[in-house]
């Protein structure tokens, strides 16, 4: 009966491990979709670049724009791969009890939350539609906060289990008696 009471639930719906697995799988799907879309965008940019070189009209101006676009797509693709890796590690830590991977995920997504807040607040100052951008930023930050809350609960739960396991293994160590 004590096992049933000690089980943690994700907002009373599913087990916390199942909730973490759902978060990891949804994030993996989102980041895979973003990587695929970036690859398609990169192909479109490269095709237009090839087309511009064959026509020689305004090549220098469009070349600089194309280089900046390629740089932006490649850098965002790199970050998406990093986020994909951390989400795969989070999914794996549900089974392996790897607290360090969970902590890395928490650090990365805390940085994502800060980035979302700074980006949308700054964009709202410059934009003609500040309420729209602030609304999108609010929704995005609430989603990330929701994920951070659940993963943080899981992290402290796993941290508590690892401390309990360390205490039980240290209690089983036999120390030989000292002769005086």
N, C-alpha and C. Protein backbone atom coordinates (compact mmCIF):
# COMPACT_ATOMS: atom_id res chain seq x y z
N UNK A 1 0.81 -1.18 0.00
CA UNK A 1 0.00 0.00 0.00
C UNK A 1 0.86 1.25 0.00
N UNK A 2 2.05 1.18 0.60
CA UNK A 2 2.93 2.35 0.61
C UNK A 2 3.50 2.62 -0.77
N UNK A 3 3.62 1.59 -1.60
CA UNK A 3 4.10 1.79 -2.96
C UNK A 3 3.08 2.61 -3.75
N UNK A 4 1.81 2.35 -3.54
CA UNK A 4 0.76 3.07 -4.26
C UNK A 4 0.72 4.54 -3.86
N UNK A 5 0.96 4.82 -2.58
CA UNK A 5 0.92 6.19 -2.10
C UNK A 5 2.13 6.98 -2.60
N UNK A 6 3.30 6.33 -2.71
CA UNK A 6 4.52 7.04 -3.07
C UNK A 6 4.64 7.29 -4.58
N UNK A 7 3.76 6.75 -5.36
CA UNK A 7 3.84 6.96 -6.81
C UNK A 7 3.50 8.40 -7.14
N UNK A 8 4.32 9.01 -7.98
CA UNK A 8 4.09 10.40 -8.39
C UNK A 8 3.31 10.39 -9.69
N UNK A 9 2.39 11.33 -9.80
CA UNK A 9 1.57 11.42 -10.99
C UNK A 9 1.76 12.76 -11.66
N UNK A 10 1.60 12.75 -12.95
CA UNK A 10 1.70 13.95 -13.77
C UNK A 10 0.31 14.57 -13.85
N UNK A 11 0.02 15.53 -12.97
CA UNK A 11 -1.28 16.20 -12.87
C UNK A 11 -2.42 15.23 -12.66
N UNK A 12 -2.16 14.12 -11.97
CA UNK A 12 -3.19 13.17 -11.63
C UNK A 12 -3.66 12.30 -12.77
N UNK A 13 -3.04 12.40 -13.94
CA UNK A 13 -3.51 11.65 -15.10
C UNK A 13 -2.70 10.39 -15.35
N UNK A 14 -1.40 10.55 -15.49
CA UNK A 14 -0.53 9.41 -15.80
C UNK A 14 0.65 9.42 -14.84
N UNK A 15 1.35 8.30 -14.79
CA UNK A 15 2.55 8.19 -14.00
C UNK A 15 3.58 9.20 -14.50
N UNK A 16 4.43 9.71 -13.61
CA UNK A 16 5.39 10.75 -13.98
C UNK A 16 6.36 10.24 -15.06
N UNK A 17 6.73 8.97 -15.01
CA UNK A 17 7.62 8.40 -16.04
C UNK A 17 6.93 8.41 -17.41
N UNK A 18 5.65 8.08 -17.42
CA UNK A 18 4.90 8.12 -18.67
C UNK A 18 4.79 9.55 -19.19
N UNK A 19 4.59 10.50 -18.28
CA UNK A 19 4.53 11.91 -18.68
C UNK A 19 5.84 12.39 -19.27
N UNK A 20 6.96 11.97 -18.68
CA UNK A 20 8.28 12.34 -19.22
C UNK A 20 8.48 11.71 -20.58
N UNK A 21 8.05 10.47 -20.72
CA UNK A 21 8.20 9.80 -22.02
C UNK A 21 7.36 10.50 -23.08
N UNK A 22 6.16 10.95 -22.73
CA UNK A 22 5.31 11.68 -23.67
C UNK A 22 5.96 13.01 -24.06
N UNK A 23 6.51 13.72 -23.08
CA UNK A 23 7.19 14.99 -23.37
C UNK A 23 8.37 14.75 -24.30
N UNK A 24 9.16 13.74 -24.01
CA UNK A 24 10.34 13.46 -24.84
C UNK A 24 9.93 13.08 -26.27
N UNK A 25 8.92 12.24 -26.41
CA UNK A 25 8.50 11.80 -27.75
C UNK A 25 7.92 12.97 -28.54
N UNK A 26 7.10 13.81 -27.90
CA UNK A 26 6.55 14.97 -28.60
C UNK A 26 7.66 15.93 -29.03
N UNK A 27 8.63 16.16 -28.15
CA UNK A 27 9.74 17.03 -28.52
C UNK A 27 10.59 16.42 -29.63
N UNK A 28 10.79 15.12 -29.59
CA UNK A 28 11.54 14.45 -30.67
C UNK A 28 10.82 14.64 -31.99
N UNK A 29 9.50 14.46 -32.00
CA UNK A 29 8.74 14.65 -33.24
C UNK A 29 8.82 16.09 -33.74
N UNK A 30 8.71 17.05 -32.83
CA UNK A 30 8.78 18.46 -33.23
C UNK A 30 10.15 18.79 -33.80
N UNK A 31 11.22 18.35 -33.13
CA UNK A 31 12.57 18.68 -33.62
C UNK A 31 12.89 17.95 -34.91
N UNK A 32 12.41 16.71 -35.08
CA UNK A 32 12.60 16.02 -36.36
C UNK A 32 11.89 16.74 -37.49
N UNK A 33 10.67 17.19 -37.24
CA UNK A 33 9.93 17.95 -38.24
C UNK A 33 10.65 19.25 -38.58
N UNK A 34 11.19 19.92 -37.57
CA UNK A 34 11.92 21.17 -37.82
C UNK A 34 13.18 20.91 -38.65
N UNK A 35 13.88 19.82 -38.37
CA UNK A 35 15.08 19.49 -39.15
C UNK A 35 14.71 19.20 -40.59
N UNK A 36 13.65 18.45 -40.80
CA UNK A 36 13.21 18.13 -42.17
C UNK A 36 12.81 19.39 -42.92
N UNK A 37 12.07 20.28 -42.26
CA UNK A 37 11.69 21.54 -42.91
C UNK A 37 12.90 22.40 -43.23
N UNK A 38 13.89 22.43 -42.34
CA UNK A 38 15.11 23.17 -42.64
C UNK A 38 15.87 22.58 -43.82
N UNK A 39 15.87 21.27 -43.92
CA UNK A 39 16.54 20.64 -45.07
C UNK A 39 15.83 21.00 -46.37
N UNK A 40 14.50 20.98 -46.36
CA UNK A 40 13.76 21.39 -47.56
C UNK A 40 14.03 22.85 -47.89
N UNK A 41 14.07 23.71 -46.88
CA UNK A 41 14.36 25.12 -47.09
C UNK A 41 15.76 25.31 -47.64
N UNK A 42 16.71 24.53 -47.15
CA UNK A 42 18.09 24.59 -47.65
C UNK A 42 18.16 24.16 -49.11
N UNK A 43 17.40 23.14 -49.48
CA UNK A 43 17.36 22.70 -50.89
C UNK A 43 16.78 23.80 -51.77
N UNK A 44 15.73 24.46 -51.30
CA UNK A 44 15.13 25.56 -52.08
C UNK A 44 16.12 26.70 -52.24
N UNK A 45 16.85 27.04 -51.19
CA UNK A 45 17.83 28.12 -51.28
C UNK A 45 18.94 27.75 -52.26
N UNK A 46 19.42 26.53 -52.18
CA UNK A 46 20.49 26.11 -53.08
C UNK A 46 20.03 26.07 -54.54
N UNK A 47 18.80 25.64 -54.77
CA UNK A 47 18.27 25.64 -56.14
C UNK A 47 18.14 27.06 -56.68
N UNK A 48 17.67 27.99 -55.84
CA UNK A 48 17.56 29.38 -56.30
C UNK A 48 18.93 29.99 -56.52
N UNK A 49 19.91 29.58 -55.73
CA UNK A 49 21.28 30.07 -55.91
C UNK A 49 21.85 29.59 -57.23
N UNK A 50 21.61 28.35 -57.58
CA UNK A 50 22.07 27.81 -58.85
C UNK A 50 21.38 28.54 -60.00
N UNK A 51 20.09 28.82 -59.84
CA UNK A 51 19.34 29.54 -60.86
C UNK A 51 19.86 30.97 -61.02
N UNK A 52 20.23 31.63 -59.92
CA UNK A 52 20.75 33.00 -59.99
C UNK A 52 22.11 33.06 -60.67
N UNK A 53 22.96 32.05 -60.42
CA UNK A 53 24.27 32.05 -61.06
C UNK A 53 24.17 31.85 -62.56
N UNK A 54 23.15 31.15 -62.97
CA UNK A 54 23.00 30.95 -64.42
C UNK A 54 22.43 32.18 -65.12
N UNK A 55 21.70 33.05 -64.39
CA UNK A 55 21.11 34.23 -65.03
C UNK A 55 22.00 35.47 -64.94
N UNK A 56 22.91 35.59 -63.96
CA UNK A 56 23.84 36.71 -63.77
C UNK A 56 23.17 38.05 -63.57
N UNK A 57 21.95 38.14 -63.13
CA UNK A 57 21.29 39.41 -62.84
C UNK A 57 21.26 39.61 -61.33
N UNK A 58 21.96 40.63 -60.85
CA UNK A 58 21.98 40.92 -59.42
C UNK A 58 22.60 39.81 -58.60
N UNK A 59 23.64 39.21 -59.12
CA UNK A 59 24.22 38.04 -58.47
C UNK A 59 24.86 38.41 -57.14
N UNK A 60 25.54 39.54 -57.07
CA UNK A 60 26.28 39.88 -55.86
C UNK A 60 25.35 40.14 -54.67
N UNK A 61 24.27 40.89 -54.88
CA UNK A 61 23.34 41.19 -53.79
C UNK A 61 22.61 39.93 -53.34
N UNK A 62 22.14 39.14 -54.26
CA UNK A 62 21.41 37.93 -53.91
C UNK A 62 22.34 36.86 -53.33
N UNK A 63 23.62 36.88 -53.71
CA UNK A 63 24.56 35.92 -53.17
C UNK A 63 24.76 36.15 -51.68
N UNK A 64 24.90 37.43 -51.29
CA UNK A 64 25.05 37.73 -49.86
C UNK A 64 23.81 37.32 -49.08
N UNK A 65 22.63 37.59 -49.63
CA UNK A 65 21.39 37.18 -48.96
C UNK A 65 21.30 35.66 -48.87
N UNK A 66 21.70 34.98 -49.94
CA UNK A 66 21.67 33.52 -49.94
C UNK A 66 22.64 32.93 -48.93
N UNK A 67 23.83 33.55 -48.81
CA UNK A 67 24.81 33.05 -47.84
C UNK A 67 24.30 33.23 -46.41
N UNK A 68 23.69 34.37 -46.14
CA UNK A 68 23.13 34.59 -44.80
C UNK A 68 21.98 33.62 -44.52
N UNK A 69 21.18 33.34 -45.52
CA UNK A 69 20.07 32.40 -45.34
C UNK A 69 20.60 30.99 -45.09
N UNK A 70 21.63 30.59 -45.85
CA UNK A 70 22.22 29.27 -45.66
C UNK A 70 22.84 29.16 -44.27
N UNK A 71 23.55 30.21 -43.86
CA UNK A 71 24.15 30.22 -42.52
C UNK A 71 23.07 30.10 -41.45
N UNK A 72 21.98 30.82 -41.59
CA UNK A 72 20.89 30.75 -40.61
C UNK A 72 20.25 29.38 -40.56
N UNK A 73 20.04 28.78 -41.72
CA UNK A 73 19.41 27.45 -41.76
C UNK A 73 20.34 26.40 -41.15
N UNK A 74 21.62 26.47 -41.47
CA UNK A 74 22.56 25.48 -40.93
C UNK A 74 22.75 25.64 -39.42
N UNK A 75 22.81 26.88 -38.94
CA UNK A 75 22.97 27.06 -37.49
C UNK A 75 21.72 26.63 -36.73
N UNK A 76 20.54 26.92 -37.27
CA UNK A 76 19.33 26.47 -36.59
C UNK A 76 19.19 24.94 -36.67
N UNK A 77 19.64 24.36 -37.78
CA UNK A 77 19.61 22.89 -37.88
C UNK A 77 20.54 22.26 -36.86
N UNK A 78 21.70 22.88 -36.64
CA UNK A 78 22.63 22.36 -35.63
C UNK A 78 21.98 22.38 -34.25
N UNK A 79 21.34 23.49 -33.90
CA UNK A 79 20.70 23.57 -32.59
C UNK A 79 19.53 22.58 -32.47
N UNK A 80 18.83 22.36 -33.57
CA UNK A 80 17.74 21.40 -33.54
C UNK A 80 18.26 19.98 -33.32
N UNK A 81 19.42 19.67 -33.89
CA UNK A 81 20.02 18.36 -33.66
C UNK A 81 20.44 18.23 -32.19
N UNK A 82 20.98 19.30 -31.61
CA UNK A 82 21.35 19.29 -30.19
C UNK A 82 20.12 19.05 -29.32
N UNK A 83 19.03 19.74 -29.61
CA UNK A 83 17.79 19.54 -28.84
C UNK A 83 17.24 18.13 -29.05
N UNK A 84 17.35 17.62 -30.25
CA UNK A 84 16.93 16.24 -30.51
C UNK A 84 17.73 15.26 -29.67
N UNK A 85 19.04 15.48 -29.59
CA UNK A 85 19.91 14.62 -28.78
C UNK A 85 19.50 14.66 -27.31
N UNK A 86 19.26 15.86 -26.77
CA UNK A 86 18.89 15.96 -25.36
C UNK A 86 17.53 15.32 -25.08
N UNK A 87 16.62 15.40 -26.03
CA UNK A 87 15.32 14.74 -25.84
C UNK A 87 15.44 13.23 -25.93
N UNK A 88 16.33 12.74 -26.80
CA UNK A 88 16.57 11.30 -26.83
C UNK A 88 17.19 10.82 -25.52
N UNK A 89 18.11 11.62 -24.98
CA UNK A 89 18.70 11.27 -23.68
C UNK A 89 17.66 11.31 -22.56
N UNK A 90 16.73 12.25 -22.62
CA UNK A 90 15.66 12.32 -21.63
C UNK A 90 14.78 11.08 -21.71
N UNK A 91 14.46 10.67 -22.92
CA UNK A 91 13.63 9.48 -23.09
C UNK A 91 14.36 8.25 -22.56
N UNK A 92 15.66 8.18 -22.82
CA UNK A 92 16.44 7.04 -22.34
C UNK A 92 16.59 7.06 -20.83
N UNK A 93 16.62 8.24 -20.22
CA UNK A 93 16.80 8.32 -18.78
C UNK A 93 15.56 7.85 -18.01
N UNK A 94 14.43 7.74 -18.69
CA UNK A 94 13.23 7.20 -18.04
C UNK A 94 13.48 5.75 -17.66
N UNK A 95 14.24 5.04 -18.48
CA UNK A 95 14.50 3.62 -18.23
C UNK A 95 15.78 3.39 -17.44
N UNK A 96 16.78 4.26 -17.60
CA UNK A 96 18.09 4.01 -17.02
C UNK A 96 18.35 4.73 -15.71
N UNK A 97 17.50 5.64 -15.29
CA UNK A 97 17.70 6.45 -14.09
C UNK A 97 19.01 7.22 -14.17
N UNK A 98 19.20 7.95 -15.25
CA UNK A 98 20.39 8.76 -15.45
C UNK A 98 20.04 10.21 -15.10
N UNK A 99 20.41 10.63 -13.90
CA UNK A 99 20.04 11.95 -13.39
C UNK A 99 20.77 13.05 -14.15
N UNK A 100 21.98 12.77 -14.60
CA UNK A 100 22.76 13.80 -15.30
C UNK A 100 22.10 14.20 -16.62
N UNK A 101 21.55 13.26 -17.37
CA UNK A 101 20.86 13.59 -18.61
C UNK A 101 19.62 14.44 -18.35
N UNK A 102 18.94 14.16 -17.26
CA UNK A 102 17.75 14.95 -16.92
C UNK A 102 18.17 16.38 -16.58
N UNK A 103 19.27 16.52 -15.84
CA UNK A 103 19.76 17.85 -15.48
C UNK A 103 20.19 18.63 -16.73
N UNK A 104 20.84 17.96 -17.68
CA UNK A 104 21.22 18.63 -18.93
C UNK A 104 19.98 19.11 -19.68
N UNK A 105 18.94 18.29 -19.73
CA UNK A 105 17.70 18.69 -20.40
C UNK A 105 17.12 19.92 -19.71
N UNK A 106 17.11 19.92 -18.38
CA UNK A 106 16.57 21.06 -17.64
C UNK A 106 17.35 22.34 -17.93
N UNK A 107 18.66 22.23 -18.01
CA UNK A 107 19.49 23.41 -18.29
C UNK A 107 19.20 23.93 -19.70
N UNK A 108 19.14 23.03 -20.68
CA UNK A 108 18.90 23.45 -22.07
C UNK A 108 17.52 24.10 -22.21
N UNK A 109 16.52 23.52 -21.63
CA UNK A 109 15.18 24.08 -21.79
C UNK A 109 14.97 25.32 -20.93
N UNK A 110 15.76 25.49 -19.87
CA UNK A 110 15.73 26.76 -19.15
C UNK A 110 16.28 27.87 -20.04
N UNK A 111 17.33 27.54 -20.79
CA UNK A 111 17.87 28.52 -21.75
C UNK A 111 16.86 28.80 -22.86
N UNK A 112 16.12 27.78 -23.28
CA UNK A 112 15.09 27.99 -24.30
C UNK A 112 14.02 28.93 -23.76
N UNK A 113 13.62 28.75 -22.52
CA UNK A 113 12.60 29.62 -21.91
C UNK A 113 13.10 31.07 -21.87
N UNK A 114 14.33 31.27 -21.46
CA UNK A 114 14.90 32.63 -21.42
C UNK A 114 14.95 33.22 -22.83
N UNK A 115 15.35 32.41 -23.80
CA UNK A 115 15.41 32.87 -25.19
C UNK A 115 14.03 33.27 -25.70
N UNK A 116 13.03 32.45 -25.41
CA UNK A 116 11.67 32.76 -25.85
C UNK A 116 11.20 34.09 -25.25
N UNK A 117 11.43 34.25 -23.98
CA UNK A 117 10.99 35.48 -23.33
C UNK A 117 11.69 36.71 -23.90
N UNK A 118 13.00 36.64 -24.04
CA UNK A 118 13.75 37.79 -24.58
C UNK A 118 13.36 38.06 -26.02
N UNK A 119 13.26 37.02 -26.83
CA UNK A 119 12.96 37.19 -28.25
C UNK A 119 11.59 37.84 -28.47
N UNK A 120 10.58 37.31 -27.83
CA UNK A 120 9.23 37.83 -28.07
C UNK A 120 9.00 39.20 -27.44
N UNK A 121 9.65 39.48 -26.34
CA UNK A 121 9.52 40.83 -25.76
C UNK A 121 10.21 41.85 -26.66
N UNK A 122 11.41 41.53 -27.14
CA UNK A 122 12.12 42.46 -28.04
C UNK A 122 11.37 42.61 -29.36
N UNK A 123 10.84 41.51 -29.89
CA UNK A 123 10.10 41.58 -31.14
C UNK A 123 8.81 42.38 -30.98
N UNK A 124 8.21 42.34 -29.80
CA UNK A 124 6.98 43.10 -29.56
C UNK A 124 7.26 44.61 -29.55
N UNK A 125 8.44 45.00 -29.08
CA UNK A 125 8.80 46.42 -29.09
C UNK A 125 8.97 46.96 -30.50
N UNK A 126 9.45 46.14 -31.41
CA UNK A 126 9.75 46.58 -32.78
C UNK A 126 8.55 46.41 -33.70
N UNK A 127 7.67 45.49 -33.41
CA UNK A 127 6.58 45.11 -34.30
C UNK A 127 5.41 46.09 -34.28
N UNK A 128 4.63 46.01 -35.35
CA UNK A 128 3.37 46.76 -35.41
C UNK A 128 2.25 46.05 -34.65
N UNK A 129 2.42 44.75 -34.42
CA UNK A 129 1.43 43.93 -33.71
C UNK A 129 2.03 43.39 -32.42
N UNK A 130 2.26 44.23 -31.41
CA UNK A 130 2.94 43.73 -30.20
C UNK A 130 2.10 42.74 -29.39
N UNK A 131 0.78 42.91 -29.36
CA UNK A 131 -0.05 41.99 -28.59
C UNK A 131 -0.04 40.59 -29.18
N UNK A 132 -0.01 40.51 -30.51
CA UNK A 132 0.05 39.20 -31.16
C UNK A 132 1.34 38.47 -30.79
N UNK A 133 2.47 39.19 -30.87
CA UNK A 133 3.75 38.57 -30.54
C UNK A 133 3.84 38.23 -29.06
N UNK A 134 3.32 39.10 -28.20
CA UNK A 134 3.32 38.79 -26.78
C UNK A 134 2.43 37.59 -26.46
N UNK A 135 1.33 37.44 -27.19
CA UNK A 135 0.47 36.27 -27.00
C UNK A 135 1.16 34.98 -27.40
N UNK A 136 1.85 35.01 -28.55
CA UNK A 136 2.60 33.83 -28.98
C UNK A 136 3.71 33.51 -27.99
N UNK A 137 4.40 34.56 -27.53
CA UNK A 137 5.46 34.35 -26.54
C UNK A 137 4.93 33.79 -25.24
N UNK A 138 3.77 34.26 -24.82
CA UNK A 138 3.16 33.76 -23.59
C UNK A 138 2.78 32.30 -23.72
N UNK A 139 2.16 31.94 -24.83
CA UNK A 139 1.77 30.54 -25.05
C UNK A 139 3.00 29.65 -25.12
N UNK A 140 4.03 30.08 -25.86
CA UNK A 140 5.25 29.29 -25.98
C UNK A 140 5.94 29.13 -24.64
N UNK A 141 6.02 30.20 -23.86
CA UNK A 141 6.69 30.11 -22.57
C UNK A 141 5.89 29.26 -21.59
N UNK A 142 4.57 29.29 -21.66
CA UNK A 142 3.76 28.43 -20.79
C UNK A 142 3.96 26.96 -21.12
N UNK A 143 4.08 26.64 -22.40
CA UNK A 143 4.33 25.24 -22.79
C UNK A 143 5.68 24.78 -22.26
N UNK A 144 6.71 25.62 -22.41
CA UNK A 144 8.04 25.25 -21.93
C UNK A 144 8.04 25.18 -20.40
N UNK A 145 7.36 26.10 -19.72
CA UNK A 145 7.26 26.04 -18.26
C UNK A 145 6.56 24.76 -17.80
N UNK A 146 5.53 24.36 -18.50
CA UNK A 146 4.83 23.11 -18.19
C UNK A 146 5.78 21.92 -18.29
N UNK A 147 6.55 21.87 -19.38
CA UNK A 147 7.51 20.77 -19.54
C UNK A 147 8.58 20.83 -18.45
N UNK A 148 9.09 22.03 -18.16
CA UNK A 148 10.12 22.16 -17.14
C UNK A 148 9.62 21.73 -15.77
N UNK A 149 8.38 22.05 -15.45
CA UNK A 149 7.81 21.66 -14.16
C UNK A 149 7.75 20.14 -14.02
N UNK A 150 7.27 19.48 -15.05
CA UNK A 150 7.13 18.02 -14.98
C UNK A 150 8.50 17.35 -14.92
N UNK A 151 9.43 17.79 -15.76
CA UNK A 151 10.76 17.17 -15.77
C UNK A 151 11.50 17.48 -14.47
N UNK A 152 11.29 18.66 -13.92
CA UNK A 152 11.93 19.01 -12.65
C UNK A 152 11.40 18.11 -11.53
N UNK A 153 10.12 17.83 -11.50
CA UNK A 153 9.58 16.90 -10.51
C UNK A 153 10.20 15.52 -10.68
N UNK A 154 10.33 15.08 -11.93
CA UNK A 154 10.93 13.79 -12.21
C UNK A 154 12.40 13.79 -11.77
N UNK A 155 13.10 14.89 -12.01
CA UNK A 155 14.52 15.00 -11.63
C UNK A 155 14.68 14.85 -10.12
N UNK A 156 13.88 15.57 -9.35
CA UNK A 156 13.99 15.48 -7.89
C UNK A 156 13.55 14.11 -7.39
N UNK A 157 12.60 13.49 -8.05
CA UNK A 157 12.19 12.14 -7.69
C UNK A 157 13.34 11.15 -7.93
N UNK A 158 13.98 11.27 -9.08
CA UNK A 158 15.11 10.39 -9.38
C UNK A 158 16.30 10.68 -8.47
N UNK A 159 16.51 11.95 -8.15
CA UNK A 159 17.59 12.32 -7.25
C UNK A 159 17.36 11.73 -5.86
N UNK A 160 16.11 11.74 -5.43
CA UNK A 160 15.78 11.12 -4.15
C UNK A 160 15.99 9.63 -4.15
N UNK A 161 15.64 8.96 -5.27
CA UNK A 161 15.86 7.52 -5.37
C UNK A 161 17.33 7.18 -5.38
N UNK A 162 18.16 7.99 -6.04
CA UNK A 162 19.59 7.69 -6.09
C UNK A 162 20.24 7.88 -4.73
N UNK A 163 19.76 8.87 -3.93
CA UNK A 163 20.30 9.06 -2.59
C UNK A 163 19.90 7.90 -1.70
N UNK A 164 18.67 7.43 -1.81
CA UNK A 164 18.21 6.29 -1.02
C UNK A 164 19.00 5.05 -1.39
N UNK A 165 19.27 4.85 -2.68
CA UNK A 165 20.05 3.68 -3.11
C UNK A 165 21.48 3.78 -2.59
N UNK A 166 22.07 4.98 -2.59
CA UNK A 166 23.42 5.14 -2.07
C UNK A 166 23.47 4.83 -0.58
N UNK A 167 22.46 5.25 0.17
CA UNK A 167 22.43 4.98 1.60
C UNK A 167 22.28 3.50 1.90
N UNK A 168 21.50 2.78 1.09
CA UNK A 168 21.31 1.36 1.34
C UNK A 168 22.56 0.58 0.98
N UNK A 169 23.29 0.99 -0.04
CA UNK A 169 24.52 0.26 -0.39
C UNK A 169 25.62 0.55 0.62
N UNK A 170 25.68 1.76 1.16
CA UNK A 170 26.69 2.07 2.17
C UNK A 170 26.39 1.34 3.48
N UNK A 171 25.14 1.06 3.77
CA UNK A 171 24.78 0.35 4.99
C UNK A 171 25.18 -1.11 4.92
N UNK A 172 25.38 -1.67 3.77
CA UNK A 172 25.73 -3.08 3.63
C UNK A 172 27.23 -3.33 3.63
N UNK A 173 28.03 -2.28 3.68
CA UNK A 173 29.47 -2.45 3.66
C UNK A 173 29.92 -2.90 5.05
N UNK A 174 30.66 -3.97 5.05
CA UNK A 174 31.16 -4.51 6.32
C UNK A 174 32.53 -3.92 6.61
N UNK A 175 32.68 -3.31 7.75
CA UNK A 175 33.96 -2.75 8.17
C UNK A 175 34.58 -3.74 9.16
N UNK A 176 35.80 -4.17 8.88
CA UNK A 176 36.41 -5.14 9.80
C UNK A 176 36.69 -4.48 11.16
N UNK A 177 36.57 -5.27 12.22
CA UNK A 177 36.81 -4.71 13.56
C UNK A 177 38.29 -4.32 13.70
N UNK A 178 38.50 -3.25 14.41
CA UNK A 178 39.86 -2.77 14.64
C UNK A 178 40.39 -3.40 15.94
N UNK A 179 41.64 -3.86 15.87
CA UNK A 179 42.23 -4.43 17.08
C UNK A 179 42.94 -3.31 17.84
N UNK A 180 42.84 -3.34 19.12
CA UNK A 180 43.48 -2.30 19.93
C UNK A 180 44.64 -2.81 20.73
